[in-house]
Amino acid sequence: MDLRALDYFIAIYESGSLSAASKLKYVAQPSISASLKQLEQSLSSTLFIRHARGVKATSAGDQLYPLAKQLLGQAAAIGELFTDK
């Protein structure tokens, strides 16, 4: 599982749309969409229901969100631990 995909997932979850997440992460929207599709395939779960005005998390997305936040927080802590200050 790719940490970047989880980062994009969190941005989508918190912003409620792929286009808003792409602006937040300074990444083209097709890249965000492809990353989400790959994450959904690797988990064999649909994480969002797409609507004309954005997305709504499925129960799988709601379950993944706190775990993804925790995992990325831990990854950041590891980076900070080994960064020269």
PDB file of N, CA and C in Angstrom:
ATOM      1  N   MET A   1       0.838  -1.173   0.000  1.00  0.00           N
ATOM      2  CA  MET A   1       0.000   0.000   0.000  1.00  0.00           C
ATOM      3  C   MET A   1       0.890   1.245   0.000  1.00  0.00           C
ATOM      4  N   ASP A   2       0.535   2.187  -0.799  1.00  0.00           N
ATOM      5  CA  ASP A   2       1.313   3.397  -1.026  1.00  0.00           C
ATOM      6  C   ASP A   2       0.867   4.502  -0.053  1.00  0.00           C
ATOM      7  N   LEU A   3       1.812   5.080   0.675  1.00  0.00           N
ATOM      8  CA  LEU A   3       1.478   6.166   1.603  1.00  0.00           C
ATOM      9  C   LEU A   3       0.930   7.386   0.871  1.00  0.00           C
ATOM     10  N   ARG A   4       1.414   7.625  -0.331  1.00  0.00           N
ATOM     11  CA  ARG A   4       0.909   8.758  -1.104  1.00  0.00           C
ATOM     12  C   ARG A   4      -0.567   8.557  -1.441  1.00  0.00           C
ATOM     13  N   ALA A   5      -0.944   7.326  -1.766  1.00  0.00           N
ATOM     14  CA  ALA A   5      -2.352   7.046  -2.056  1.00  0.00           C
ATOM     15  C   ALA A   5      -3.206   7.293  -0.822  1.00  0.00           C
ATOM     16  N   LEU A   6      -2.702   6.934   0.342  1.00  0.00           N
ATOM     17  CA  LEU A   6      -3.436   7.193   1.578  1.00  0.00           C
ATOM     18  C   LEU A   6      -3.532   8.690   1.855  1.00  0.00           C
ATOM     19  N   ASP A   7      -2.479   9.424   1.535  1.00  0.00           N
ATOM     20  CA  ASP A   7      -2.500  10.871   1.700  1.00  0.00           C
ATOM     21  C   ASP A   7      -3.563  11.488   0.796  1.00  0.00           C
ATOM     22  N   TYR A   8      -3.637  11.045  -0.440  1.00  0.00           N
ATOM     23  CA  TYR A   8      -4.655  11.527  -1.365  1.00  0.00           C
ATOM     24  C   TYR A   8      -6.049  11.125  -0.880  1.00  0.00           C
ATOM     25  N   PHE A   9      -6.180   9.896  -0.379  1.00  0.00           N
ATOM     26  CA  PHE A   9      -7.466   9.433   0.160  1.00  0.00           C
ATOM     27  C   PHE A   9      -7.942  10.377   1.270  1.00  0.00           C
ATOM     28  N   ILE A  10      -7.045  10.730   2.184  1.00  0.00           N
ATOM     29  CA  ILE A  10      -7.400  11.625   3.284  1.00  0.00           C
ATOM     30  C   ILE A  10      -7.829  12.990   2.746  1.00  0.00           C
ATOM     31  N   ALA A  11      -7.121  13.494   1.757  1.00  0.00           N
ATOM     32  CA  ALA A  11      -7.475  14.784   1.161  1.00  0.00           C
ATOM     33  C   ALA A  11      -8.858  14.724   0.515  1.00  0.00           C
ATOM     34  N   ILE A  12      -9.152  13.639  -0.165  1.00  0.00           N
ATOM     35  CA  ILE A  12     -10.470  13.467  -0.780  1.00  0.00           C
ATOM     36  C   ILE A  12     -11.535  13.387   0.305  1.00  0.00           C
ATOM     37  N   TYR A  13     -11.275  12.600   1.318  1.00  0.00           N
ATOM     38  CA  TYR A  13     -12.227  12.399   2.414  1.00  0.00           C
ATOM     39  C   TYR A  13     -12.535  13.728   3.101  1.00  0.00           C
ATOM     40  N   GLU A  14     -11.505  14.488   3.404  1.00  0.00           N
ATOM     41  CA  GLU A  14     -11.691  15.737   4.144  1.00  0.00           C
ATOM     42  C   GLU A  14     -12.271  16.861   3.290  1.00  0.00           C
ATOM     43  N   SER A  15     -11.966  16.875   2.004  1.00  0.00           N
ATOM     44  CA  SER A  15     -12.465  17.946   1.141  1.00  0.00           C
ATOM     45  C   SER A  15     -13.804  17.610   0.490  1.00  0.00           C
ATOM     46  N   GLY A  16     -14.098  16.318   0.356  1.00  0.00           N
ATOM     47  CA  GLY A  16     -15.369  15.914  -0.239  1.00  0.00           C
ATOM     48  C   GLY A  16     -15.388  15.909  -1.750  1.00  0.00           C
ATOM     49  N   SER A  17     -14.230  16.113  -2.372  1.00  0.00           N
ATOM     50  CA  SER A  17     -14.196  16.055  -3.836  1.00  0.00           C
ATOM     51  C   SER A  17     -12.786  15.774  -4.334  1.00  0.00           C
ATOM     52  N   LEU A  18     -12.725  15.137  -5.491  1.00  0.00           N
ATOM     53  CA  LEU A  18     -11.429  14.846  -6.092  1.00  0.00           C
ATOM     54  C   LEU A  18     -10.762  16.118  -6.589  1.00  0.00           C
ATOM     55  N   SER A  19     -11.529  17.042  -7.161  1.00  0.00           N
ATOM     56  CA  SER A  19     -10.927  18.274  -7.682  1.00  0.00           C
ATOM     57  C   SER A  19     -10.392  19.139  -6.545  1.00  0.00           C
ATOM     58  N   ALA A  20     -11.106  19.210  -5.428  1.00  0.00           N
ATOM     59  CA  ALA A  20     -10.608  19.975  -4.277  1.00  0.00           C
ATOM     60  C   ALA A  20      -9.345  19.325  -3.710  1.00  0.00           C
ATOM     61  N   ALA A  21      -9.325  18.008  -3.668  1.00  0.00           N
ATOM     62  CA  ALA A  21      -8.140  17.291  -3.171  1.00  0.00           C
ATOM     63  C   ALA A  21      -6.948  17.538  -4.093  1.00  0.00           C
ATOM     64  N   SER A  22      -7.194  17.570  -5.391  1.00  0.00           N
ATOM     65  CA  SER A  22      -6.083  17.796  -6.326  1.00  0.00           C
ATOM     66  C   SER A  22      -5.504  19.196  -6.145  1.00  0.00           C
ATOM     67  N   LYS A  23      -6.348  20.180  -5.882  1.00  0.00           N
ATOM     68  CA  LYS A  23      -5.855  21.540  -5.633  1.00  0.00           C
ATOM     69  C   LYS A  23      -5.093  21.593  -4.312  1.00  0.00           C
ATOM     70  N   LEU A  24      -5.613  20.924  -3.309  1.00  0.00           N
ATOM     71  CA  LEU A  24      -4.975  20.905  -1.997  1.00  0.00           C
ATOM     72  C   LEU A  24      -3.586  20.272  -2.053  1.00  0.00           C
ATOM     73  N   LYS A  25      -3.446  19.220  -2.856  1.00  0.00           N
ATOM     74  CA  LYS A  25      -2.189  18.482  -2.952  1.00  0.00           C
ATOM     75  C   LYS A  25      -1.314  18.927  -4.119  1.00  0.00           C
ATOM     76  N   TYR A  26      -1.780  19.906  -4.906  1.00  0.00           N
ATOM     77  CA  TYR A  26      -1.034  20.403  -6.064  1.00  0.00           C
ATOM     78  C   TYR A  26      -0.694  19.273  -7.037  1.00  0.00           C
ATOM     79  N   VAL A  27      -1.699  18.437  -7.302  1.00  0.00           N
ATOM     80  CA  VAL A  27      -1.550  17.288  -8.195  1.00  0.00           C
ATOM     81  C   VAL A  27      -2.711  17.328  -9.180  1.00  0.00           C
ATOM     82  N   ALA A  28      -2.469  16.925 -10.406  1.00  0.00           N
ATOM     83  CA  ALA A  28      -3.528  16.899 -11.405  1.00  0.00           C
ATOM     84  C   ALA A  28      -4.647  15.948 -10.967  1.00  0.00           C
ATOM     85  N   GLN A  29      -5.873  16.342 -11.238  1.00  0.00           N
ATOM     86  CA  GLN A  29      -7.029  15.546 -10.821  1.00  0.00           C
ATOM     87  C   GLN A  29      -7.002  14.117 -11.363  1.00  0.00           C
ATOM     88  N   PRO A  30      -6.574  13.883 -12.618  1.00  0.00           N
ATOM     89  CA  PRO A  30      -6.497  12.499 -13.084  1.00  0.00           C
ATOM     90  C   PRO A  30      -5.538  11.634 -12.256  1.00  0.00           C
ATOM     91  N   SER A  31      -4.479  12.239 -11.733  1.00  0.00           N
ATOM     92  CA  SER A  31      -3.542  11.495 -10.887  1.00  0.00           C
ATOM     93  C   SER A  31      -4.196  11.105  -9.565  1.00  0.00           C
ATOM     94  N   ILE A  32      -4.974  12.017  -8.996  1.00  0.00           N
ATOM     95  CA  ILE A  32      -5.707  11.723  -7.755  1.00  0.00           C
ATOM     96  C   ILE A  32      -6.703  10.602  -8.015  1.00  0.00           C
ATOM     97  N   SER A  33      -7.418  10.700  -9.116  1.00  0.00           N
ATOM     98  CA  SER A  33      -8.420   9.702  -9.471  1.00  0.00           C
ATOM     99  C   SER A  33      -7.786   8.325  -9.686  1.00  0.00           C
ATOM    100  N   ALA A  34      -6.669   8.289 -10.400  1.00  0.00           N
ATOM    101  CA  ALA A  34      -5.978   7.022 -10.660  1.00  0.00           C
ATOM    102  C   ALA A  34      -5.453   6.413  -9.369  1.00  0.00           C
ATOM    103  N   SER A  35      -4.939   7.248  -8.489  1.00  0.00           N
ATOM    104  CA  SER A  35      -4.429   6.772  -7.203  1.00  0.00           C
ATOM    105  C   SER A  35      -5.552   6.178  -6.368  1.00  0.00           C
ATOM    106  N   LEU A  36      -6.703   6.842  -6.354  1.00  0.00           N
ATOM    107  CA  LEU A  36      -7.860   6.334  -5.617  1.00  0.00           C
ATOM    108  C   LEU A  36      -8.336   5.007  -6.199  1.00  0.00           C
ATOM    109  N   LYS A  37      -8.379   4.928  -7.511  1.00  0.00           N
ATOM    110  CA  LYS A  37      -8.807   3.685  -8.160  1.00  0.00           C
ATOM    111  C   LYS A  37      -7.869   2.534  -7.796  1.00  0.00           C
ATOM    112  N   GLN A  38      -6.583   2.794  -7.803  1.00  0.00           N
ATOM    113  CA  GLN A  38      -5.596   1.769  -7.458  1.00  0.00           C
ATOM    114  C   GLN A  38      -5.745   1.350  -5.990  1.00  0.00           C
ATOM    115  N   LEU A  39      -5.971   2.311  -5.106  1.00  0.00           N
ATOM    116  CA  LEU A  39      -6.169   2.005  -3.690  1.00  0.00           C
ATOM    117  C   LEU A  39      -7.424   1.160  -3.499  1.00  0.00           C
ATOM    118  N   GLU A  40      -8.499   1.530  -4.176  1.00  0.00           N
ATOM    119  CA  GLU A  40      -9.747   0.763  -4.080  1.00  0.00           C
ATOM    120  C   GLU A  40      -9.546  -0.663  -4.592  1.00  0.00           C
ATOM    121  N   GLN A  41      -8.795  -0.814  -5.663  1.00  0.00           N
ATOM    122  CA  GLN A  41      -8.531  -2.152  -6.192  1.00  0.00           C
ATOM    123  C   GLN A  41      -7.685  -2.971  -5.231  1.00  0.00           C
ATOM    124  N   SER A  42      -6.685  -2.355  -4.626  1.00  0.00           N
ATOM    125  CA  SER A  42      -5.818  -3.096  -3.719  1.00  0.00           C
ATOM    126  C   SER A  42      -6.559  -3.518  -2.452  1.00  0.00           C
ATOM    127  N   LEU A  43      -7.553  -2.742  -2.055  1.00  0.00           N
ATOM    128  CA  LEU A  43      -8.349  -3.076  -0.869  1.00  0.00           C
ATOM    129  C   LEU A  43      -9.611  -3.867  -1.211  1.00  0.00           C
ATOM    130  N   SER A  44      -9.887  -4.016  -2.494  1.00  0.00           N
ATOM    131  CA  SER A  44     -11.110  -4.686  -2.960  1.00  0.00           C
ATOM    132  C   SER A  44     -12.349  -4.076  -2.325  1.00  0.00           C
ATOM    133  N   SER A  45     -12.357  -2.756  -2.244  1.00  0.00           N
ATOM    134  CA  SER A  45     -13.478  -2.025  -1.644  1.00  0.00           C
ATOM    135  C   SER A  45     -13.677  -0.695  -2.351  1.00  0.00           C
ATOM    136  N   THR A  46     -14.923  -0.287  -2.457  1.00  0.00           N
ATOM    137  CA  THR A  46     -15.238   1.046  -2.940  1.00  0.00           C
ATOM    138  C   THR A  46     -15.180   1.979  -1.745  1.00  0.00           C
ATOM    139  N   LEU A  47     -14.388   3.021  -1.842  1.00  0.00           N
ATOM    140  CA  LEU A  47     -14.195   3.931  -0.719  1.00  0.00           C
ATOM    141  C   LEU A  47     -15.088   5.163  -0.772  1.00  0.00           C
ATOM    142  N   PHE A  48     -15.518   5.526  -1.968  1.00  0.00           N
ATOM    143  CA  PHE A  48     -16.373   6.695  -2.146  1.00  0.00           C
ATOM    144  C   PHE A  48     -17.460   6.407  -3.169  1.00  0.00           C
ATOM    145  N   ILE A  49     -18.604   7.034  -2.946  1.00  0.00           N
ATOM    146  CA  ILE A  49     -19.663   7.070  -3.952  1.00  0.00           C
ATOM    147  C   ILE A  49     -19.515   8.416  -4.650  1.00  0.00           C
ATOM    148  N   ARG A  50     -19.364   8.383  -5.960  1.00  0.00           N
ATOM    149  CA  ARG A  50     -19.178   9.616  -6.712  1.00  0.00           C
ATOM    150  C   ARG A  50     -20.531  10.232  -7.047  1.00  0.00           C
ATOM    151  N   HIS A  51     -20.640  11.546  -6.848  1.00  0.00           N
ATOM    152  CA  HIS A  51     -21.831  12.326  -7.183  1.00  0.00           C
ATOM    153  C   HIS A  51     -21.403  13.456  -8.098  1.00  0.00           C
ATOM    154  N   ALA A  52     -22.375  14.134  -8.672  1.00  0.00           N
ATOM    155  CA  ALA A  52     -22.065  15.258  -9.556  1.00  0.00           C
ATOM    156  C   ALA A  52     -21.329  16.376  -8.817  1.00  0.00           C
ATOM    157  N   ARG A  53     -21.593  16.513  -7.521  1.00  0.00           N
ATOM    158  CA  ARG A  53     -20.985  17.608  -6.758  1.00  0.00           C
ATOM    159  C   ARG A  53     -19.924  17.134  -5.781  1.00  0.00           C
ATOM    160  N   GLY A  54     -19.337  15.992  -6.019  1.00  0.00           N
ATOM    161  CA  GLY A  54     -18.277  15.514  -5.142  1.00  0.00           C
ATOM    162  C   GLY A  54     -18.410  14.036  -4.845  1.00  0.00           C
ATOM    163  N   VAL A  55     -17.920  13.654  -3.676  1.00  0.00           N
ATOM    164  CA  VAL A  55     -17.950  12.250  -3.281  1.00  0.00           C
ATOM    165  C   VAL A  55     -18.448  12.135  -1.842  1.00  0.00           C
ATOM    166  N   LYS A  56     -18.965  10.957  -1.520  1.00  0.00           N
ATOM    167  CA  LYS A  56     -19.378  10.640  -0.161  1.00  0.00           C
ATOM    168  C   LYS A  56     -18.724   9.320   0.197  1.00  0.00           C
ATOM    169  N   ALA A  57     -18.114   9.280   1.364  1.00  0.00           N
ATOM    170  CA  ALA A  57     -17.425   8.072   1.794  1.00  0.00           C
ATOM    171  C   ALA A  57     -18.413   6.932   2.035  1.00  0.00           C
ATOM    172  N   THR A  58     -17.997   5.745   1.658  1.00  0.00           N
ATOM    173  CA  THR A  58     -18.760   4.542   1.973  1.00  0.00           C
ATOM    174  C   THR A  58     -18.378   4.128   3.394  1.00  0.00           C
ATOM    175  N   SER A  59     -18.989   3.076   3.888  1.00  0.00           N
ATOM    176  CA  SER A  59     -18.621   2.600   5.222  1.00  0.00           C
ATOM    177  C   SER A  59     -17.159   2.142   5.236  1.00  0.00           C
ATOM    178  N   ALA A  60     -16.694   1.580   4.133  1.00  0.00           N
ATOM    179  CA  ALA A  60     -15.281   1.185   4.036  1.00  0.00           C
ATOM    180  C   ALA A  60     -14.382   2.413   4.112  1.00  0.00           C
ATOM    181  N   GLY A  61     -14.774   3.489   3.456  1.00  0.00           N
ATOM    182  CA  GLY A  61     -14.010   4.733   3.514  1.00  0.00           C
ATOM    183  C   GLY A  61     -13.986   5.304   4.917  1.00  0.00           C
ATOM    184  N   ASP A  62     -15.138   5.241   5.599  1.00  0.00           N
ATOM    185  CA  ASP A  62     -15.207   5.721   6.978  1.00  0.00           C
ATOM    186  C   ASP A  62     -14.324   4.884   7.908  1.00  0.00           C
ATOM    187  N   GLN A  63     -14.213   3.606   7.637  1.00  0.00           N
ATOM    188  CA  GLN A  63     -13.354   2.734   8.446  1.00  0.00           C
ATOM    189  C   GLN A  63     -11.881   2.998   8.178  1.00  0.00           C
ATOM    190  N   LEU A  64     -11.547   3.255   6.918  1.00  0.00           N
ATOM    191  CA  LEU A  64     -10.158   3.475   6.540  1.00  0.00           C
ATOM    192  C   LEU A  64      -9.622   4.809   7.037  1.00  0.00           C
ATOM    193  N   TYR A  65     -10.455   5.835   7.078  1.00  0.00           N
ATOM    194  CA  TYR A  65      -9.998   7.193   7.384  1.00  0.00           C
ATOM    195  C   TYR A  65      -9.182   7.296   8.680  1.00  0.00           C
ATOM    196  N   PRO A  66      -9.688   6.854   9.829  1.00  0.00           N
ATOM    197  CA  PRO A  66      -8.866   7.022  11.048  1.00  0.00           C
ATOM    198  C   PRO A  66      -7.579   6.196  11.017  1.00  0.00           C
ATOM    199  N   LEU A  67      -7.620   5.048  10.378  1.00  0.00           N
ATOM    200  CA  LEU A  67      -6.414   4.215  10.269  1.00  0.00           C
ATOM    201  C   LEU A  67      -5.378   4.877   9.368  1.00  0.00           C
ATOM    202  N   ALA A  68      -5.838   5.468   8.273  1.00  0.00           N
ATOM    203  CA  ALA A  68      -4.930   6.155   7.351  1.00  0.00           C
ATOM    204  C   ALA A  68      -4.309   7.371   8.030  1.00  0.00           C
ATOM    205  N   LYS A  69      -5.115   8.131   8.795  1.00  0.00           N
ATOM    206  CA  LYS A  69      -4.590   9.289   9.524  1.00  0.00           C
ATOM    207  C   LYS A  69      -3.516   8.847  10.516  1.00  0.00           C
ATOM    208  N   GLN A  70      -3.788   7.767  11.228  1.00  0.00           N
ATOM    209  CA  GLN A  70      -2.844   7.257  12.219  1.00  0.00           C
ATOM    210  C   GLN A  70      -1.551   6.801  11.548  1.00  0.00           C
ATOM    211  N   LEU A  71      -1.685   6.047  10.460  1.00  0.00           N
ATOM    212  CA  LEU A  71      -0.512   5.533   9.766  1.00  0.00           C
ATOM    213  C   LEU A  71       0.356   6.655   9.211  1.00  0.00           C
ATOM    214  N   LEU A  72      -0.256   7.656   8.598  1.00  0.00           N
ATOM    215  CA  LEU A  72       0.524   8.771   8.060  1.00  0.00           C
ATOM    216  C   LEU A  72       1.148   9.595   9.178  1.00  0.00           C
ATOM    217  N   GLY A  73       0.461   9.699  10.301  1.00  0.00           N
ATOM    218  CA  GLY A  73       1.040  10.388  11.452  1.00  0.00           C
ATOM    219  C   GLY A  73       2.270   9.666  11.969  1.00  0.00           C
ATOM    220  N   GLN A  74       2.197   8.350  12.011  1.00  0.00           N
ATOM    221  CA  GLN A  74       3.339   7.558  12.449  1.00  0.00           C
ATOM    222  C   GLN A  74       4.491   7.656  11.457  1.00  0.00           C
ATOM    223  N   ALA A  75       4.181   7.654  10.172  1.00  0.00           N
ATOM    224  CA  ALA A  75       5.228   7.790   9.146  1.00  0.00           C
ATOM    225  C   ALA A  75       5.917   9.150   9.275  1.00  0.00           C
ATOM    226  N   ALA A  76       5.147  10.195   9.550  1.00  0.00           N
ATOM    227  CA  ALA A  76       5.731  11.523   9.734  1.00  0.00           C
ATOM    228  C   ALA A  76       6.612  11.551  10.975  1.00  0.00           C
ATOM    229  N   ALA A  77       6.183  10.880  12.030  1.00  0.00           N
ATOM    230  CA  ALA A  77       6.972  10.834  13.267  1.00  0.00           C
ATOM    231  C   ALA A  77       8.301  10.123  13.043  1.00  0.00           C
ATOM    232  N   ILE A  78       8.279   9.083  12.248  1.00  0.00           N
ATOM    233  CA  ILE A  78       9.528   8.372  11.924  1.00  0.00           C
ATOM    234  C   ILE A  78      10.471   9.308  11.170  1.00  0.00           C
ATOM    235  N   GLY A  79       9.942  10.022  10.192  1.00  0.00           N
ATOM    236  CA  GLY A  79      10.753  10.971   9.432  1.00  0.00           C
ATOM    237  C   GLY A  79      11.357  12.040  10.318  1.00  0.00           C
ATOM    238  N   GLU A  80      10.558  12.571  11.254  1.00  0.00           N
ATOM    239  CA  GLU A  80      11.055  13.608  12.158  1.00  0.00           C
ATOM    240  C   GLU A  80      12.112  13.062  13.107  1.00  0.00           C
ATOM    241  N   LEU A  81      11.963  11.834  13.523  1.00  0.00           N
ATOM    242  CA  LEU A  81      12.892  11.215  14.453  1.00  0.00           C
ATOM    243  C   LEU A  81      14.293  11.124  13.854  1.00  0.00           C
ATOM    244  N   PHE A  82      14.363  10.860  12.555  1.00  0.00           N
ATOM    245  CA  PHE A  82      15.658  10.646  11.920  1.00  0.00           C
ATOM    246  C   PHE A  82      16.122  11.808  11.065  1.00  0.00           C
ATOM    247  N   THR A  83      15.484  12.946  11.215  1.00  0.00           N
ATOM    248  CA  THR A  83      15.899  14.147  10.487  1.00  0.00           C
ATOM    249  C   THR A  83      16.812  14.959  11.379  1.00  0.00           C
ATOM    250  N   ASP A  84      17.935  15.375  10.835  1.00  0.00           N
ATOM    251  CA  ASP A  84      18.855  16.220  11.588  1.00  0.00           C
ATOM    252  C   ASP A  84      18.197  17.560  11.879  1.00  0.00           C
ATOM    253  N   LYS A  85      18.357  17.977  13.114  1.00  0.00           N
ATOM    254  CA  LYS A  85      17.722  19.255  13.487  1.00  0.00           C
ATOM    255  C   LYS A  85      18.758  20.296  13.771  1.00  0.00           C
TER     256      LYS A  85
END
